[in-house]
Amino acid sequence: MNTEVIVEVFEGDVDIRGGTFKNDQGEQVEYETRKQPARLESNGYAYPFDVRLEKGRAPFPPGRYVMDCGAMLSVNKGAHAISKFPILRAVKPVAKA
């Protein structure tokens, strides 16, 4: 069974939050998270979803996208990881008025 995961990105600003934390060496480290509001649809259900944006990544234009889960997966020597930054492929961009 191959189920598409659809992400609908809404119009809106990117939510940017930052701060500092102490790492394992006791050093203060600054961080910043960037999220864009969206909705995730799969198997007939819809859920609120935040699209995390990597540093320097422009926000996604409003529209519908397919999440490329295969491209987000990496396997190295039997260990696997899924990126926290979604890879989205445009399905239907929203036309600007």
Protein backbone atom coordinates (compact mmCIF):
# COMPACT_ATOMS: atom_id res chain seq x y z
CA MET A 1 0.00 0.00 0.00
CA ASN A 2 1.45 3.34 -1.08
CA THR A 3 -0.25 6.24 0.69
CA GLU A 4 0.60 9.80 -0.25
CA VAL A 5 1.15 12.28 2.53
CA ILE A 6 -0.20 15.67 1.46
CA VAL A 7 0.92 18.89 3.14
CA GLU A 8 -1.10 22.04 2.59
CA VAL A 9 0.91 25.14 3.43
CA PHE A 10 -1.19 28.10 4.53
CA GLU A 11 -0.61 31.76 3.86
CA GLY A 12 1.14 33.28 6.80
CA ASP A 13 4.36 34.32 8.36
CA VAL A 14 7.09 32.01 9.51
CA ASP A 15 7.12 31.53 13.29
CA ILE A 16 10.69 32.19 14.42
CA ARG A 17 11.80 31.36 17.95
CA GLY A 18 15.21 31.33 19.48
CA GLY A 19 17.11 31.18 22.68
CA THR A 20 20.13 29.61 24.34
CA PHE A 21 20.90 26.38 26.15
CA LYS A 22 23.92 24.80 27.81
CA ASN A 23 25.48 21.94 25.88
CA ASP A 24 27.19 18.90 27.43
CA GLN A 25 30.41 20.90 27.84
CA GLY A 26 28.58 23.64 29.79
CA GLU A 27 28.86 26.18 26.96
CA GLN A 28 25.97 28.47 26.05
CA VAL A 29 24.68 27.65 22.56
CA GLU A 30 22.24 29.82 20.61
CA TYR A 31 19.47 28.21 18.58
CA GLU A 32 16.68 29.31 16.27
CA THR A 33 13.68 27.36 15.01
CA ARG A 34 11.63 28.41 12.01
CA LYS A 35 8.19 26.90 11.41
CA GLN A 36 5.45 27.49 8.88
CA PRO A 37 1.81 26.57 9.65
CA ALA A 38 0.32 23.81 7.51
CA ARG A 39 -2.00 20.81 7.51
CA LEU A 40 -0.94 17.21 6.95
CA GLU A 41 -3.40 14.86 5.20
CA SER A 42 -3.07 11.08 5.07
CA ASN A 43 -5.51 8.18 4.81
CA GLY A 44 -8.50 10.54 4.83
CA TYR A 45 -7.50 12.37 8.00
CA ALA A 46 -6.10 15.88 8.43
CA TYR A 47 -3.86 17.11 11.22
CA PRO A 48 -2.26 20.46 12.11
CA PHE A 49 1.40 20.35 11.07
CA ASP A 50 4.36 22.70 11.38
CA VAL A 51 6.76 22.67 8.43
CA ARG A 52 10.22 23.14 9.93
CA LEU A 53 12.53 25.24 7.79
CA GLU A 54 16.29 24.82 7.71
CA LYS A 55 18.44 27.89 8.29
CA GLY A 56 18.48 29.93 5.09
CA ARG A 57 15.53 28.06 3.52
CA ALA A 58 12.89 30.37 2.05
CA PRO A 59 9.31 29.67 3.20
CA PHE A 60 7.20 27.44 0.99
CA PRO A 61 4.62 29.34 -1.08
CA PRO A 62 1.02 28.56 -0.08
CA GLY A 63 -0.25 25.45 -1.83
CA ARG A 64 -0.51 21.67 -1.76
CA TYR A 65 2.56 19.46 -1.65
CA VAL A 66 3.40 15.76 -1.46
CA MET A 67 5.87 14.91 1.31
CA ASP A 68 8.73 12.90 -0.17
CA CYS A 69 9.28 10.55 2.78
CA GLY A 70 11.75 8.41 0.82
CA ALA A 71 14.01 11.41 0.21
CA MET A 72 13.86 12.26 3.92
CA LEU A 73 15.16 8.82 4.96
CA SER A 74 18.86 8.08 5.32
CA VAL A 75 20.44 4.73 6.13
CA ASN A 76 24.06 4.31 7.16
CA LYS A 77 25.51 1.00 8.35
CA GLY A 78 22.11 -0.28 9.44
CA ALA A 79 21.13 2.87 11.33
CA HIS A 80 18.29 4.92 9.89
CA ALA A 81 17.14 8.48 10.40
CA ILE A 82 14.30 10.61 9.08
CA SER A 83 14.98 14.29 8.58
CA LYS A 84 13.03 16.71 10.77
CA PHE A 85 12.97 19.07 7.78
CA PRO A 86 10.31 17.86 5.33
CA ILE A 87 11.05 17.55 1.62
CA LEU A 88 7.96 18.75 -0.21
CA ARG A 89 7.12 18.40 -3.92
CA ALA A 90 4.56 20.89 -5.30
CA VAL A 91 1.20 19.47 -6.34
CA LYS A 92 -0.92 22.57 -6.77
CA PRO A 93 0.40 26.05 -5.91
CA VAL A 94 -2.16 28.65 -4.89
CA ALA A 95 -2.55 31.36 -7.56
CA LYS A 96 -1.91 34.88 -6.29
CA ALA A 97 -4.85 37.28 -6.56
